[in-house]
Each structure stands twice: as C-alpha cells, then as structure tokens.
C-alpha cells in the first residue's frame, strides 16, 4: 500500500516539493485552485 502525500498549492514551492518527494511507495497528489499551470515571467 502506497503512502499518500497531498500538496496544496502548485506554485514554485509546491511543484518543487512534488519533484523532490518522488520516491517508490509514495503517491503524490497535487491540488491547486486552477486546473492549468500559469507562469508569468518575472
């Protein structure tokens, strides 16, 4: 049984955390208020 990790917010921090937590045996769920990724150059 996989352990579930839920990340709320898909900004830079949320996406970075999701990438760093990619290990076998973990299911990562990323939740954001938008259904698409929006990047605005700084």
PDB file of N, CA and C in Angstrom:
ATOM      1  N   UNK A   1       0.843  -1.185   0.000  1.00  0.00           N
ATOM      2  CA  UNK A   1       0.000   0.000   0.000  1.00  0.00           C
ATOM      3  C   UNK A   1       0.883   1.241   0.000  1.00  0.00           C
ATOM      4  N   UNK A   2       0.608   2.133  -0.929  1.00  0.00           N
ATOM      5  CA  UNK A   2       1.396   3.360  -1.030  1.00  0.00           C
ATOM      6  C   UNK A   2       0.952   4.368   0.015  1.00  0.00           C
ATOM      7  N   UNK A   3       1.911   5.126   0.515  1.00  0.00           N
ATOM      8  CA  UNK A   3       1.590   6.238   1.401  1.00  0.00           C
ATOM      9  C   UNK A   3       1.223   7.428   0.531  1.00  0.00           C
ATOM     10  N   UNK A   4       0.227   8.179   0.967  1.00  0.00           N
ATOM     11  CA  UNK A   4      -0.281   9.293   0.177  1.00  0.00           C
ATOM     12  C   UNK A   4       0.202  10.612   0.760  1.00  0.00           C
ATOM     13  N   UNK A   5       0.756  11.460  -0.106  1.00  0.00           N
ATOM     14  CA  UNK A   5       1.184  12.806   0.270  1.00  0.00           C
ATOM     15  C   UNK A   5       0.337  13.780  -0.534  1.00  0.00           C
ATOM     16  N   UNK A   6      -0.328  14.701   0.162  1.00  0.00           N
ATOM     17  CA  UNK A   6      -1.160  15.695  -0.504  1.00  0.00           C
ATOM     18  C   UNK A   6      -0.494  17.056  -0.358  1.00  0.00           C
ATOM     19  N   UNK A   7      -0.239  17.714  -1.487  1.00  0.00           N
ATOM     20  CA  UNK A   7       0.375  19.041  -1.506  1.00  0.00           C
ATOM     21  C   UNK A   7      -0.679  20.019  -2.009  1.00  0.00           C
ATOM     22  N   UNK A   8      -0.952  21.047  -1.216  1.00  0.00           N
ATOM     23  CA  UNK A   8      -1.936  22.052  -1.601  1.00  0.00           C
ATOM     24  C   UNK A   8      -1.187  23.282  -2.102  1.00  0.00           C
ATOM     25  N   UNK A   9      -1.401  23.606  -3.368  1.00  0.00           N
ATOM     26  CA  UNK A   9      -0.732  24.745  -3.990  1.00  0.00           C
ATOM     27  C   UNK A   9       0.301  24.266  -4.989  1.00  0.00           C
ATOM     28  N   UNK A  10       0.132  24.666  -6.239  1.00  0.00           N
ATOM     29  CA  UNK A  10       1.039  24.228  -7.298  1.00  0.00           C
ATOM     30  C   UNK A  10       1.880  25.384  -7.818  1.00  0.00           C
ATOM     31  N   UNK A  11       2.338  26.224  -6.906  1.00  0.00           N
ATOM     32  CA  UNK A  11       3.270  27.280  -7.282  1.00  0.00           C
ATOM     33  C   UNK A  11       4.675  26.698  -7.378  1.00  0.00           C
ATOM     34  N   UNK A  12       5.670  27.559  -7.367  1.00  0.00           N
ATOM     35  CA  UNK A  12       7.054  27.076  -7.459  1.00  0.00           C
ATOM     36  C   UNK A  12       7.397  26.130  -6.310  1.00  0.00           C
ATOM     37  N   UNK A  13       6.985  26.473  -5.100  1.00  0.00           N
ATOM     38  CA  UNK A  13       7.312  25.641  -3.937  1.00  0.00           C
ATOM     39  C   UNK A  13       6.598  24.298  -3.997  1.00  0.00           C
ATOM     40  N   UNK A  14       5.320  24.296  -4.344  1.00  0.00           N
ATOM     41  CA  UNK A  14       4.561  23.052  -4.414  1.00  0.00           C
ATOM     42  C   UNK A  14       5.086  22.108  -5.478  1.00  0.00           C
ATOM     43  N   UNK A  15       5.406  22.645  -6.646  1.00  0.00           N
ATOM     44  CA  UNK A  15       5.944  21.810  -7.722  1.00  0.00           C
ATOM     45  C   UNK A  15       7.328  21.272  -7.380  1.00  0.00           C
ATOM     46  N   UNK A  16       8.159  22.097  -6.760  1.00  0.00           N
ATOM     47  CA  UNK A  16       9.497  21.653  -6.357  1.00  0.00           C
ATOM     48  C   UNK A  16       9.404  20.555  -5.309  1.00  0.00           C
ATOM     49  N   UNK A  17       8.519  20.726  -4.343  1.00  0.00           N
ATOM     50  CA  UNK A  17       8.330  19.708  -3.311  1.00  0.00           C
ATOM     51  C   UNK A  17       7.849  18.398  -3.920  1.00  0.00           C
ATOM     52  N   UNK A  18       6.915  18.474  -4.853  1.00  0.00           N
ATOM     53  CA  UNK A  18       6.410  17.264  -5.503  1.00  0.00           C
ATOM     54  C   UNK A  18       7.529  16.526  -6.231  1.00  0.00           C
ATOM     55  N   UNK A  19       8.414  17.250  -6.890  1.00  0.00           N
ATOM     56  CA  UNK A  19       9.532  16.609  -7.591  1.00  0.00           C
ATOM     57  C   UNK A  19      10.509  15.953  -6.618  1.00  0.00           C
ATOM     58  N   UNK A  20      10.752  16.596  -5.476  1.00  0.00           N
ATOM     59  CA  UNK A  20      11.704  16.056  -4.505  1.00  0.00           C
ATOM     60  C   UNK A  20      11.140  14.871  -3.726  1.00  0.00           C
ATOM     61  N   UNK A  21       9.840  14.723  -3.674  1.00  0.00           N
ATOM     62  CA  UNK A  21       9.225  13.632  -2.914  1.00  0.00           C
ATOM     63  C   UNK A  21       8.882  12.427  -3.778  1.00  0.00           C
ATOM     64  N   UNK A  22       9.356  12.394  -5.013  1.00  0.00           N
ATOM     65  CA  UNK A  22       9.072  11.258  -5.894  1.00  0.00           C
ATOM     66  C   UNK A  22       9.935  10.061  -5.503  1.00  0.00           C
ATOM     67  N   UNK A  23       9.388   9.219  -4.653  1.00  0.00           N
ATOM     68  CA  UNK A  23      10.065   8.003  -4.221  1.00  0.00           C
ATOM     69  C   UNK A  23       9.117   6.833  -4.417  1.00  0.00           C
ATOM     70  N   UNK A  24       9.653   5.650  -4.659  1.00  0.00           N
ATOM     71  CA  UNK A  24       8.778   4.476  -4.751  1.00  0.00           C
ATOM     72  C   UNK A  24       8.025   4.286  -3.430  1.00  0.00           C
ATOM     73  N   UNK A  25       6.779   3.910  -3.532  1.00  0.00           N
ATOM     74  CA  UNK A  25       5.977   3.674  -2.341  1.00  0.00           C
ATOM     75  C   UNK A  25       5.191   4.885  -1.873  1.00  0.00           C
ATOM     76  N   UNK A  26       5.307   6.012  -2.595  1.00  0.00           N
ATOM     77  CA  UNK A  26       4.566   7.218  -2.233  1.00  0.00           C
ATOM     78  C   UNK A  26       3.688   7.642  -3.406  1.00  0.00           C
ATOM     79  N   UNK A  27       2.472   8.046  -3.103  1.00  0.00           N
ATOM     80  CA  UNK A  27       1.569   8.612  -4.100  1.00  0.00           C
ATOM     81  C   UNK A  27       1.442  10.097  -3.794  1.00  0.00           C
ATOM     82  N   UNK A  28       1.761  10.941  -4.751  1.00  0.00           N
ATOM     83  CA  UNK A  28       1.727  12.387  -4.544  1.00  0.00           C
ATOM     84  C   UNK A  28       0.500  12.958  -5.242  1.00  0.00           C
ATOM     85  N   UNK A  29      -0.293  13.699  -4.487  1.00  0.00           N
ATOM     86  CA  UNK A  29      -1.471  14.368  -5.028  1.00  0.00           C
ATOM     87  C   UNK A  29      -1.232  15.861  -4.904  1.00  0.00           C
ATOM     88  N   UNK A  30      -1.291  16.553  -6.025  1.00  0.00           N
ATOM     89  CA  UNK A  30      -1.042  17.992  -6.071  1.00  0.00           C
ATOM     90  C   UNK A  30      -2.364  18.703  -6.351  1.00  0.00           C
ATOM     91  N   UNK A  31      -2.784  19.582  -5.439  1.00  0.00           N
ATOM     92  CA  UNK A  31      -4.065  20.277  -5.553  1.00  0.00           C
ATOM     93  C   UNK A  31      -3.804  21.773  -5.711  1.00  0.00           C
ATOM     94  N   UNK A  32      -4.486  22.372  -6.684  1.00  0.00           N
ATOM     95  CA  UNK A  32      -4.375  23.814  -6.888  1.00  0.00           C
ATOM     96  C   UNK A  32      -5.739  24.354  -7.281  1.00  0.00           C
ATOM     97  N   UNK A  33      -5.972  25.626  -7.066  1.00  0.00           N
ATOM     98  CA  UNK A  33      -7.275  26.205  -7.393  1.00  0.00           C
ATOM     99  C   UNK A  33      -7.486  26.349  -8.891  1.00  0.00           C
ATOM    100  N   UNK A  34      -6.411  26.380  -9.673  1.00  0.00           N
ATOM    101  CA  UNK A  34      -6.516  26.453 -11.131  1.00  0.00           C
ATOM    102  C   UNK A  34      -6.326  25.066 -11.727  1.00  0.00           C
ATOM    103  N   UNK A  35      -6.965  24.795 -12.848  1.00  0.00           N
ATOM    104  CA  UNK A  35      -6.791  23.488 -13.488  1.00  0.00           C
ATOM    105  C   UNK A  35      -5.744  23.526 -14.600  1.00  0.00           C
ATOM    106  N   UNK A  36      -4.958  24.602 -14.640  1.00  0.00           N
ATOM    107  CA  UNK A  36      -3.865  24.709 -15.607  1.00  0.00           C
ATOM    108  C   UNK A  36      -2.704  25.445 -14.932  1.00  0.00           C
ATOM    109  N   UNK A  37      -1.503  25.251 -15.470  1.00  0.00           N
ATOM    110  CA  UNK A  37      -0.321  25.904 -14.910  1.00  0.00           C
ATOM    111  C   UNK A  37      -0.170  27.275 -15.551  1.00  0.00           C
ATOM    112  N   UNK A  38       0.011  28.277 -14.735  1.00  0.00           N
ATOM    113  CA  UNK A  38       0.154  29.645 -15.240  1.00  0.00           C
ATOM    114  C   UNK A  38       1.513  30.182 -14.811  1.00  0.00           C
ATOM    115  N   UNK A  39       2.378  30.461 -15.783  1.00  0.00           N
ATOM    116  CA  UNK A  39       3.702  31.008 -15.492  1.00  0.00           C
ATOM    117  C   UNK A  39       3.791  32.400 -16.087  1.00  0.00           C
ATOM    118  N   UNK A  40       4.103  33.358 -15.246  1.00  0.00           N
ATOM    119  CA  UNK A  40       4.309  34.717 -15.730  1.00  0.00           C
ATOM    120  C   UNK A  40       5.763  35.089 -15.469  1.00  0.00           C
ATOM    121  N   UNK A  41       6.521  35.394 -16.523  1.00  0.00           N
ATOM    122  CA  UNK A  41       7.929  35.753 -16.336  1.00  0.00           C
ATOM    123  C   UNK A  41       8.083  36.926 -15.368  1.00  0.00           C
ATOM    124  N   UNK A  42       9.136  36.867 -14.594  1.00  0.00           N
ATOM    125  CA  UNK A  42       9.368  37.917 -13.603  1.00  0.00           C
ATOM    126  C   UNK A  42       9.965  39.151 -14.235  1.00  0.00           C
TER     127      UNK A  42
END
